[in-house]
Amino acid sequence: RKNGPQKKAARLLVWSHILDDVALMETIEGAGANVVI
């Protein structure tokens, strides 16, 4: 692909239980981070 995520300074690990809605992940990534693992 040529339209993947943009480079961001923050590369985050998210530790959670049942993270089952993309809105939760979008909220963190939309704050200015790449959740990489």
PDB file of all heavy atoms in Angstrom:
ATOM      1  N   ARG A   1       0.830  -1.218   0.000  1.00  0.00           N
ATOM      2  CA  ARG A   1       0.000   0.000   0.000  1.00  0.00           C
ATOM      3  C   ARG A   1       0.857   1.257   0.000  1.00  0.00           C
ATOM      4  O   ARG A   1       2.002   1.269   0.474  1.00  0.00           O
ATOM      5  CB  ARG A   1      -0.940  -0.012   1.210  1.00  0.00           C
ATOM      6  CG  ARG A   1      -0.244   0.271   2.522  1.00  0.00           C
ATOM      7  CD  ARG A   1      -1.109  -0.019   3.735  1.00  0.00           C
ATOM      8  NE  ARG A   1      -2.380   0.662   3.710  1.00  0.00           N
ATOM      9  CZ  ARG A   1      -3.106   0.954   4.806  1.00  0.00           C
ATOM     10  NH1 ARG A   1      -2.628   0.612   5.998  1.00  0.00           N
ATOM     11  NH2 ARG A   1      -4.248   1.555   4.723  1.00  0.00           N
ATOM     12  N   LYS A   2       0.273   2.307  -0.514  1.00  0.00           N
ATOM     13  CA  LYS A   2       0.962   3.602  -0.572  1.00  0.00           C
ATOM     14  C   LYS A   2       0.241   4.668   0.243  1.00  0.00           C
ATOM     15  O   LYS A   2       0.648   5.823   0.245  1.00  0.00           O
ATOM     16  CB  LYS A   2       1.074   4.052  -2.032  1.00  0.00           C
ATOM     17  CG  LYS A   2       1.896   3.121  -2.902  1.00  0.00           C
ATOM     18  CD  LYS A   2       1.951   3.610  -4.340  1.00  0.00           C
ATOM     19  CE  LYS A   2       2.867   2.740  -5.203  1.00  0.00           C
ATOM     20  NZ  LYS A   2       2.416   1.329  -5.260  1.00  0.00           N
ATOM     21  N   ASN A   3      -0.836   4.272   0.907  1.00  0.00           N
ATOM     22  CA  ASN A   3      -1.623   5.242   1.681  1.00  0.00           C
ATOM     23  C   ASN A   3      -1.745   4.812   3.136  1.00  0.00           C
ATOM     24  O   ASN A   3      -2.789   4.959   3.759  1.00  0.00           O
ATOM     25  CB  ASN A   3      -3.018   5.384   1.069  1.00  0.00           C
ATOM     26  CG  ASN A   3      -3.806   4.076   1.100  1.00  0.00           C
ATOM     27  OD1 ASN A   3      -3.216   3.002   1.221  1.00  0.00           O
ATOM     28  ND2 ASN A   3      -5.124   4.156   1.003  1.00  0.00           N
ATOM     29  N   GLY A   4      -0.658   4.290   3.692  1.00  0.00           N
ATOM     30  CA  GLY A   4      -0.691   3.805   5.069  1.00  0.00           C
ATOM     31  C   GLY A   4      -0.572   4.931   6.084  1.00  0.00           C
ATOM     32  O   GLY A   4      -0.618   6.117   5.745  1.00  0.00           O
ATOM     33  N   PRO A   5      -0.417   4.583   7.342  1.00  0.00           N
ATOM     34  CA  PRO A   5      -0.308   5.591   8.409  1.00  0.00           C
ATOM     35  C   PRO A   5       0.882   6.524   8.193  1.00  0.00           C
ATOM     36  O   PRO A   5       1.896   6.135   7.600  1.00  0.00           O
ATOM     37  CB  PRO A   5      -0.112   4.735   9.668  1.00  0.00           C
ATOM     38  CG  PRO A   5      -0.675   3.395   9.322  1.00  0.00           C
ATOM     39  CD  PRO A   5      -0.389   3.203   7.870  1.00  0.00           C
ATOM     40  N   GLN A   6       0.742   7.740   8.701  1.00  0.00           N
ATOM     41  CA  GLN A   6       1.819   8.716   8.642  1.00  0.00           C
ATOM     42  C   GLN A   6       2.753   8.538   9.835  1.00  0.00           C
ATOM     43  O   GLN A   6       2.362   8.033  10.889  1.00  0.00           O
ATOM     44  CB  GLN A   6       1.246  10.135   8.639  1.00  0.00           C
ATOM     45  CG  GLN A   6       0.333  10.425   7.471  1.00  0.00           C
ATOM     46  CD  GLN A   6       1.029  10.261   6.130  1.00  0.00           C
ATOM     47  OE1 GLN A   6       2.064  10.892   5.879  1.00  0.00           O
ATOM     48  NE2 GLN A   6       0.481   9.423   5.271  1.00  0.00           N
ATOM     49  N   LYS A   7       3.974   8.940   9.665  1.00  0.00           N
ATOM     50  CA  LYS A   7       4.955   8.852  10.746  1.00  0.00           C
ATOM     51  C   LYS A   7       4.598   9.826  11.861  1.00  0.00           C
ATOM     52  O   LYS A   7       4.305  10.995  11.610  1.00  0.00           O
ATOM     53  CB  LYS A   7       6.356   9.151  10.213  1.00  0.00           C
ATOM     54  CG  LYS A   7       7.455   8.970  11.244  1.00  0.00           C
ATOM     55  CD  LYS A   7       8.825   9.084  10.607  1.00  0.00           C
ATOM     56  CE  LYS A   7       9.928   8.854  11.623  1.00  0.00           C
ATOM     57  NZ  LYS A   7      11.279   8.872  11.015  1.00  0.00           N
ATOM     58  N   LYS A   8       4.626   9.345  13.103  1.00  0.00           N
ATOM     59  CA  LYS A   8       4.351  10.180  14.271  1.00  0.00           C
ATOM     60  C   LYS A   8       5.409   9.915  15.333  1.00  0.00           C
ATOM     61  O   LYS A   8       5.982   8.830  15.398  1.00  0.00           O
ATOM     62  CB  LYS A   8       2.956   9.890  14.825  1.00  0.00           C
ATOM     63  CG  LYS A   8       1.826  10.196  13.842  1.00  0.00           C
ATOM     64  CD  LYS A   8       0.474   9.805  14.395  1.00  0.00           C
ATOM     65  CE  LYS A   8      -0.631  10.065  13.376  1.00  0.00           C
ATOM     66  NZ  LYS A   8      -1.960   9.622  13.873  1.00  0.00           N
ATOM     67  N   ALA A   9       5.644  10.920  16.169  1.00  0.00           N
ATOM     68  CA  ALA A   9       6.709  10.810  17.155  1.00  0.00           C
ATOM     69  C   ALA A   9       6.409   9.738  18.193  1.00  0.00           C
ATOM     70  O   ALA A   9       7.305   9.029  18.664  1.00  0.00           O
ATOM     71  CB  ALA A   9       6.928  12.162  17.838  1.00  0.00           C
ATOM     72  N   ALA A  10       5.139   9.595  18.560  1.00  0.00           N
ATOM     73  CA  ALA A  10       4.760   8.639  19.603  1.00  0.00           C
ATOM     74  C   ALA A  10       4.456   7.275  18.993  1.00  0.00           C
ATOM     75  O   ALA A  10       3.630   7.156  18.089  1.00  0.00           O
ATOM     76  CB  ALA A  10       3.546   9.152  20.369  1.00  0.00           C
ATOM     77  N   ARG A  11       5.145   6.272  19.489  1.00  0.00           N
ATOM     78  CA  ARG A  11       4.896   4.876  19.096  1.00  0.00           C
ATOM     79  C   ARG A  11       4.463   4.134  20.360  1.00  0.00           C
ATOM     80  O   ARG A  11       5.292   3.849  21.236  1.00  0.00           O
ATOM     81  CB  ARG A  11       6.158   4.248  18.494  1.00  0.00           C
ATOM     82  CG  ARG A  11       6.571   4.861  17.166  1.00  0.00           C
ATOM     83  CD  ARG A  11       7.888   4.275  16.661  1.00  0.00           C
ATOM     84  NE  ARG A  11       7.819   2.821  16.521  1.00  0.00           N
ATOM     85  CZ  ARG A  11       7.353   2.191  15.436  1.00  0.00           C
ATOM     86  NH1 ARG A  11       6.889   2.882  14.405  1.00  0.00           N
ATOM     87  NH2 ARG A  11       7.349   0.865  15.390  1.00  0.00           N
ATOM     88  N   LEU A  12       3.167   3.858  20.455  1.00  0.00           N
ATOM     89  CA  LEU A  12       2.582   3.406  21.709  1.00  0.00           C
ATOM     90  C   LEU A  12       2.316   1.906  21.753  1.00  0.00           C
ATOM     91  O   LEU A  12       2.010   1.266  20.738  1.00  0.00           O
ATOM     92  CB  LEU A  12       1.255   4.141  21.963  1.00  0.00           C
ATOM     93  CG  LEU A  12       1.309   5.658  22.093  1.00  0.00           C
ATOM     94  CD1 LEU A  12      -0.081   6.190  22.414  1.00  0.00           C
ATOM     95  CD2 LEU A  12       2.321   6.099  23.141  1.00  0.00           C
ATOM     96  N   LEU A  13       2.402   1.376  22.971  1.00  0.00           N
ATOM     97  CA  LEU A  13       1.883   0.059  23.324  1.00  0.00           C
ATOM     98  C   LEU A  13       0.605   0.298  24.115  1.00  0.00           C
ATOM     99  O   LEU A  13       0.603   1.091  25.072  1.00  0.00           O
ATOM    100  CB  LEU A  13       2.904  -0.712  24.158  1.00  0.00           C
ATOM    101  CG  LEU A  13       2.564  -2.124  24.636  1.00  0.00           C
ATOM    102  CD1 LEU A  13       3.850  -2.882  24.951  1.00  0.00           C
ATOM    103  CD2 LEU A  13       1.655  -2.155  25.869  1.00  0.00           C
ATOM    104  N   VAL A  14      -0.471  -0.370  23.741  1.00  0.00           N
ATOM    105  CA  VAL A  14      -1.724  -0.284  24.496  1.00  0.00           C
ATOM    106  C   VAL A  14      -1.952  -1.605  25.213  1.00  0.00           C
ATOM    107  O   VAL A  14      -2.004  -2.663  24.577  1.00  0.00           O
ATOM    108  CB  VAL A  14      -2.923   0.039  23.580  1.00  0.00           C
ATOM    109  CG1 VAL A  14      -4.231  -0.109  24.356  1.00  0.00           C
ATOM    110  CG2 VAL A  14      -2.807   1.448  23.025  1.00  0.00           C
ATOM    111  N   TRP A  15      -2.056  -1.528  26.543  1.00  0.00           N
ATOM    112  CA  TRP A  15      -2.355  -2.694  27.380  1.00  0.00           C
ATOM    113  C   TRP A  15      -3.787  -2.558  27.848  1.00  0.00           C
ATOM    114  O   TRP A  15      -4.180  -1.525  28.416  1.00  0.00           O
ATOM    115  CB  TRP A  15      -1.400  -2.722  28.569  1.00  0.00           C
ATOM    116  CG  TRP A  15      -1.629  -3.834  29.548  1.00  0.00           C
ATOM    117  CD1 TRP A  15      -1.175  -5.118  29.476  1.00  0.00           C
ATOM    118  CD2 TRP A  15      -2.344  -3.740  30.788  1.00  0.00           C
ATOM    119  NE1 TRP A  15      -1.568  -5.836  30.574  1.00  0.00           N
ATOM    120  CE2 TRP A  15      -2.297  -5.024  31.397  1.00  0.00           C
ATOM    121  CE3 TRP A  15      -3.041  -2.715  31.443  1.00  0.00           C
ATOM    122  CZ2 TRP A  15      -2.891  -5.292  32.624  1.00  0.00           C
ATOM    123  CZ3 TRP A  15      -3.645  -2.984  32.664  1.00  0.00           C
ATOM    124  CH2 TRP A  15      -3.553  -4.256  33.233  1.00  0.00           C
ATOM    125  N   SER A  16      -4.603  -3.583  27.574  1.00  0.00           N
ATOM    126  CA  SER A  16      -6.019  -3.461  27.894  1.00  0.00           C
ATOM    127  C   SER A  16      -6.634  -4.843  28.052  1.00  0.00           C
ATOM    128  O   SER A  16      -5.949  -5.868  27.965  1.00  0.00           O
ATOM    129  CB  SER A  16      -6.732  -2.669  26.787  1.00  0.00           C
ATOM    130  OG  SER A  16      -8.085  -2.419  27.118  1.00  0.00           O
ATOM    131  N   HIS A  17      -7.936  -4.876  28.278  1.00  0.00           N
ATOM    132  CA  HIS A  17      -8.694  -6.125  28.351  1.00  0.00           C
ATOM    133  C   HIS A  17      -9.425  -6.315  27.032  1.00  0.00           C
ATOM    134  O   HIS A  17      -8.817  -6.607  26.018  1.00  0.00           O
ATOM    135  CB  HIS A  17      -9.652  -6.093  29.551  1.00  0.00           C
ATOM    136  CG  HIS A  17     -10.312  -4.756  29.768  1.00  0.00           C
ATOM    137  ND1 HIS A  17     -10.843  -3.999  28.741  1.00  0.00           N
ATOM    138  CD2 HIS A  17     -10.490  -4.025  30.903  1.00  0.00           C
ATOM    139  CE1 HIS A  17     -11.348  -2.878  29.230  1.00  0.00           C
ATOM    140  NE2 HIS A  17     -11.140  -2.854  30.536  1.00  0.00           N
ATOM    141  N   ILE A  18     -10.767  -6.174  27.040  1.00  0.00           N
ATOM    142  CA  ILE A  18     -11.550  -6.341  25.820  1.00  0.00           C
ATOM    143  C   ILE A  18     -11.657  -4.987  25.126  1.00  0.00           C
ATOM    144  O   ILE A  18     -12.581  -4.206  25.375  1.00  0.00           O
ATOM    145  CB  ILE A  18     -12.957  -6.903  26.124  1.00  0.00           C
ATOM    146  CG1 ILE A  18     -12.859  -8.215  26.899  1.00  0.00           C
ATOM    147  CG2 ILE A  18     -13.728  -7.127  24.830  1.00  0.00           C
ATOM    148  CD1 ILE A  18     -14.201  -8.764  27.356  1.00  0.00           C
ATOM    149  N   LEU A  19     -10.719  -4.682  24.288  1.00  0.00           N
ATOM    150  CA  LEU A  19     -10.747  -3.445  23.508  1.00  0.00           C
ATOM    151  C   LEU A  19     -11.456  -3.774  22.196  1.00  0.00           C
ATOM    152  O   LEU A  19     -10.838  -4.232  21.233  1.00  0.00           O
ATOM    153  CB  LEU A  19      -9.323  -2.941  23.260  1.00  0.00           C
ATOM    154  CG  LEU A  19      -9.168  -1.624  22.508  1.00  0.00           C
ATOM    155  CD1 LEU A  19      -9.911  -0.508  23.219  1.00  0.00           C
ATOM    156  CD2 LEU A  19      -7.712  -1.263  22.345  1.00  0.00           C
ATOM    157  N   ASP A  20     -12.775  -3.570  22.160  1.00  0.00           N
ATOM    158  CA  ASP A  20     -13.578  -4.143  21.081  1.00  0.00           C
ATOM    159  C   ASP A  20     -14.209  -3.132  20.139  1.00  0.00           C
ATOM    160  O   ASP A  20     -14.985  -3.520  19.257  1.00  0.00           O
ATOM    161  CB  ASP A  20     -14.681  -5.039  21.672  1.00  0.00           C
ATOM    162  CG  ASP A  20     -15.681  -4.249  22.508  1.00  0.00           C
ATOM    163  OD1 ASP A  20     -15.416  -3.068  22.804  1.00  0.00           O
ATOM    164  OD2 ASP A  20     -16.726  -4.823  22.881  1.00  0.00           O
ATOM    165  N   ASP A  21     -13.902  -1.849  20.307  1.00  0.00           N
ATOM    166  CA  ASP A  21     -14.501  -0.835  19.442  1.00  0.00           C
ATOM    167  C   ASP A  21     -13.399   0.048  18.867  1.00  0.00           C
ATOM    168  O   ASP A  21     -12.579   0.587  19.603  1.00  0.00           O
ATOM    169  CB  ASP A  21     -15.504   0.015  20.230  1.00  0.00           C
ATOM    170  CG  ASP A  21     -16.418   0.829  19.331  1.00  0.00           C
ATOM    171  OD1 ASP A  21     -15.901   1.696  18.586  1.00  0.00           O
ATOM    172  OD2 ASP A  21     -17.644   0.589  19.346  1.00  0.00           O
ATOM    173  N   VAL A  22     -13.407   0.200  17.542  1.00  0.00           N
ATOM    174  CA  VAL A  22     -12.330   0.966  16.909  1.00  0.00           C
ATOM    175  C   VAL A  22     -12.324   2.418  17.345  1.00  0.00           C
ATOM    176  O   VAL A  22     -11.286   3.093  17.251  1.00  0.00           O
ATOM    177  CB  VAL A  22     -12.410   0.880  15.367  1.00  0.00           C
ATOM    178  CG1 VAL A  22     -12.215  -0.550  14.884  1.00  0.00           C
ATOM    179  CG2 VAL A  22     -13.721   1.446  14.838  1.00  0.00           C
ATOM    180  N   ALA A  23     -13.457   2.930  17.843  1.00  0.00           N
ATOM    181  CA  ALA A  23     -13.494   4.325  18.279  1.00  0.00           C
ATOM    182  C   ALA A  23     -12.498   4.572  19.401  1.00  0.00           C
ATOM    183  O   ALA A  23     -11.916   5.657  19.500  1.00  0.00           O
ATOM    184  CB  ALA A  23     -14.907   4.700  18.723  1.00  0.00           C
ATOM    185  N   LEU A  24     -12.289   3.565  20.249  1.00  0.00           N
ATOM    186  CA  LEU A  24     -11.326   3.713  21.342  1.00  0.00           C
ATOM    187  C   LEU A  24      -9.909   3.816  20.798  1.00  0.00           C
ATOM    188  O   LEU A  24      -9.112   4.652  21.243  1.00  0.00           O
ATOM    189  CB  LEU A  24     -11.448   2.534  22.304  1.00  0.00           C
ATOM    190  CG  LEU A  24     -12.786   2.427  23.047  1.00  0.00           C
ATOM    191  CD1 LEU A  24     -12.936   1.048  23.683  1.00  0.00           C
ATOM    192  CD2 LEU A  24     -12.901   3.522  24.105  1.00  0.00           C
ATOM    193  N   MET A  25      -9.585   2.968  19.827  1.00  0.00           N
ATOM    194  CA  MET A  25      -8.252   3.016  19.232  1.00  0.00           C
ATOM    195  C   MET A  25      -8.081   4.285  18.382  1.00  0.00           C
ATOM    196  O   MET A  25      -7.015   4.915  18.402  1.00  0.00           O
ATOM    197  CB  MET A  25      -8.018   1.775  18.371  1.00  0.00           C
ATOM    198  CG  MET A  25      -6.592   1.591  17.920  1.00  0.00           C
ATOM    199  SD  MET A  25      -5.451   1.142  19.249  1.00  0.00           S
ATOM    200  CE  MET A  25      -5.804  -0.606  19.419  1.00  0.00           C
ATOM    201  N   GLU A  26      -9.130   4.663  17.661  1.00  0.00           N
ATOM    202  CA  GLU A  26      -9.076   5.887  16.853  1.00  0.00           C
ATOM    203  C   GLU A  26      -8.851   7.108  17.734  1.00  0.00           C
ATOM    204  O   GLU A  26      -8.151   8.054  17.330  1.00  0.00           O
ATOM    205  CB  GLU A  26     -10.392   6.055  16.075  1.00  0.00           C
ATOM    206  CG  GLU A  26     -10.557   5.127  14.893  1.00  0.00           C
ATOM    207  CD  GLU A  26     -11.918   5.265  14.245  1.00  0.00           C
ATOM    208  OE1 GLU A  26     -12.871   5.698  14.926  1.00  0.00           O
ATOM    209  OE2 GLU A  26     -12.035   4.940  13.051  1.00  0.00           O
ATOM    210  N   THR A  27      -9.427   7.103  18.912  1.00  0.00           N
ATOM    211  CA  THR A  27      -9.275   8.243  19.811  1.00  0.00           C
ATOM    212  C   THR A  27      -7.822   8.420  20.221  1.00  0.00           C
ATOM    213  O   THR A  27      -7.300   9.549  20.249  1.00  0.00           O
ATOM    214  CB  THR A  27     -10.154   8.048  21.058  1.00  0.00           C
ATOM    215  OG1 THR A  27     -11.523   7.996  20.667  1.00  0.00           O
ATOM    216  CG2 THR A  27      -9.959   9.171  22.051  1.00  0.00           C
ATOM    217  N   ILE A  28      -7.145   7.334  20.527  1.00  0.00           N
ATOM    218  CA  ILE A  28      -5.742   7.410  20.929  1.00  0.00           C
ATOM    219  C   ILE A  28      -4.862   7.777  19.746  1.00  0.00           C
ATOM    220  O   ILE A  28      -4.003   8.667  19.834  1.00  0.00           O
ATOM    221  CB  ILE A  28      -5.299   6.081  21.552  1.00  0.00           C
ATOM    222  CG1 ILE A  28      -6.077   5.825  22.847  1.00  0.00           C
ATOM    223  CG2 ILE A  28      -3.796   6.073  21.832  1.00  0.00           C
ATOM    224  CD1 ILE A  28      -5.827   4.471  23.458  1.00  0.00           C
ATOM    225  N   GLU A  29      -5.068   7.112  18.614  1.00  0.00           N
ATOM    226  CA  GLU A  29      -4.251   7.415  17.440  1.00  0.00           C
ATOM    227  C   GLU A  29      -4.558   8.824  16.923  1.00  0.00           C
ATOM    228  O   GLU A  29      -3.658   9.533  16.440  1.00  0.00           O
ATOM    229  CB  GLU A  29      -4.481   6.375  16.352  1.00  0.00           C
ATOM    230  CG  GLU A  29      -3.968   4.992  16.758  1.00  0.00           C
ATOM    231  CD  GLU A  29      -3.903   4.007  15.612  1.00  0.00           C
ATOM    232  OE1 GLU A  29      -4.897   3.911  14.861  1.00  0.00           O
ATOM    233  OE2 GLU A  29      -2.866   3.327  15.463  1.00  0.00           O
ATOM    234  N   GLY A  30      -5.823   9.254  17.033  1.00  0.00           N
ATOM    235  CA  GLY A  30      -6.193  10.592  16.580  1.00  0.00           C
ATOM    236  C   GLY A  30      -5.616  11.696  17.437  1.00  0.00           C
ATOM    237  O   GLY A  30      -5.544  12.853  17.016  1.00  0.00           O
ATOM    238  N   ALA A  31      -5.189  11.336  18.659  1.00  0.00           N
ATOM    239  CA  ALA A  31      -4.575  12.332  19.541  1.00  0.00           C
ATOM    240  C   ALA A  31      -3.140  12.645  19.127  1.00  0.00           C
ATOM    241  O   ALA A  31      -2.525  13.570  19.661  1.00  0.00           O
ATOM    242  CB  ALA A  31      -4.608  11.842  20.984  1.00  0.00           C
ATOM    243  N   GLY A  32      -2.610  11.862  18.170  1.00  0.00           N
ATOM    244  CA  GLY A  32      -1.268  12.145  17.651  1.00  0.00           C
ATOM    245  C   GLY A  32      -0.259  11.040  17.872  1.00  0.00           C
ATOM    246  O   GLY A  32       0.918  11.329  18.122  1.00  0.00           O
ATOM    247  N   ALA A  33      -0.703   9.791  17.773  1.00  0.00           N
ATOM    248  CA  ALA A  33       0.206   8.670  18.024  1.00  0.00           C
ATOM    249  C   ALA A  33      -0.049   7.547  17.036  1.00  0.00           C
ATOM    250  O   ALA A  33      -1.122   7.446  16.442  1.00  0.00           O
ATOM    251  CB  ALA A  33       0.022   8.146  19.444  1.00  0.00           C
ATOM    252  N   ASN A  34       0.943   6.698  16.868  1.00  0.00           N
ATOM    253  CA  ASN A  34       0.773   5.419  16.196  1.00  0.00           C
ATOM    254  C   ASN A  34       0.772   4.326  17.264  1.00  0.00           C
ATOM    255  O   ASN A  34       1.738   4.202  18.018  1.00  0.00           O
ATOM    256  CB  ASN A  34       1.910   5.145  15.200  1.00  0.00           C
ATOM    257  CG  ASN A  34       1.762   5.947  13.924  1.00  0.00           C
ATOM    258  OD1 ASN A  34       0.661   6.124  13.415  1.00  0.00           O
ATOM    259  ND2 ASN A  34       2.868   6.439  13.388  1.00  0.00           N
ATOM    260  N   VAL A  35      -0.325   3.581  17.357  1.00  0.00           N
ATOM    261  CA  VAL A  35      -0.356   2.422  18.247  1.00  0.00           C
ATOM    262  C   VAL A  35       0.254   1.268  17.460  1.00  0.00           C
ATOM    263  O   VAL A  35      -0.363   0.719  16.559  1.00  0.00           O
ATOM    264  CB  VAL A  35      -1.787   2.083  18.700  1.00  0.00           C
ATOM    265  CG1 VAL A  35      -1.781   0.811  19.539  1.00  0.00           C
ATOM    266  CG2 VAL A  35      -2.377   3.244  19.500  1.00  0.00           C
ATOM    267  N   VAL A  36       1.487   0.911  17.799  1.00  0.00           N
ATOM    268  CA  VAL A  36       2.234  -0.054  16.995  1.00  0.00           C
ATOM    269  C   VAL A  36       2.137  -1.476  17.524  1.00  0.00           C
ATOM    270  O   VAL A  36       2.468  -2.435  16.819  1.00  0.00           O
ATOM    271  CB  VAL A  36       3.719   0.371  16.870  1.00  0.00           C
ATOM    272  CG1 VAL A  36       3.829   1.679  16.079  1.00  0.00           C
ATOM    273  CG2 VAL A  36       4.368   0.518  18.239  1.00  0.00           C
ATOM    274  N   ILE A  37       1.689  -1.638  18.775  1.00  0.00           N
ATOM    275  CA  ILE A  37       1.561  -2.981  19.354  1.00  0.00           C
ATOM    276  C   ILE A  37       0.541  -2.895  20.487  1.00  0.00           C
ATOM    277  O   ILE A  37       0.377  -1.841  21.108  1.00  0.00           O
ATOM    278  CB  ILE A  37       2.932  -3.511  19.887  1.00  0.00           C
ATOM    279  CG1 ILE A  37       2.823  -4.968  20.378  1.00  0.00           C
ATOM    280  CG2 ILE A  37       3.475  -2.604  20.960  1.00  0.00           C
ATOM    281  CD1 ILE A  37       2.509  -5.976  19.309  1.00  0.00           C
TER     282      ILE A  37
END
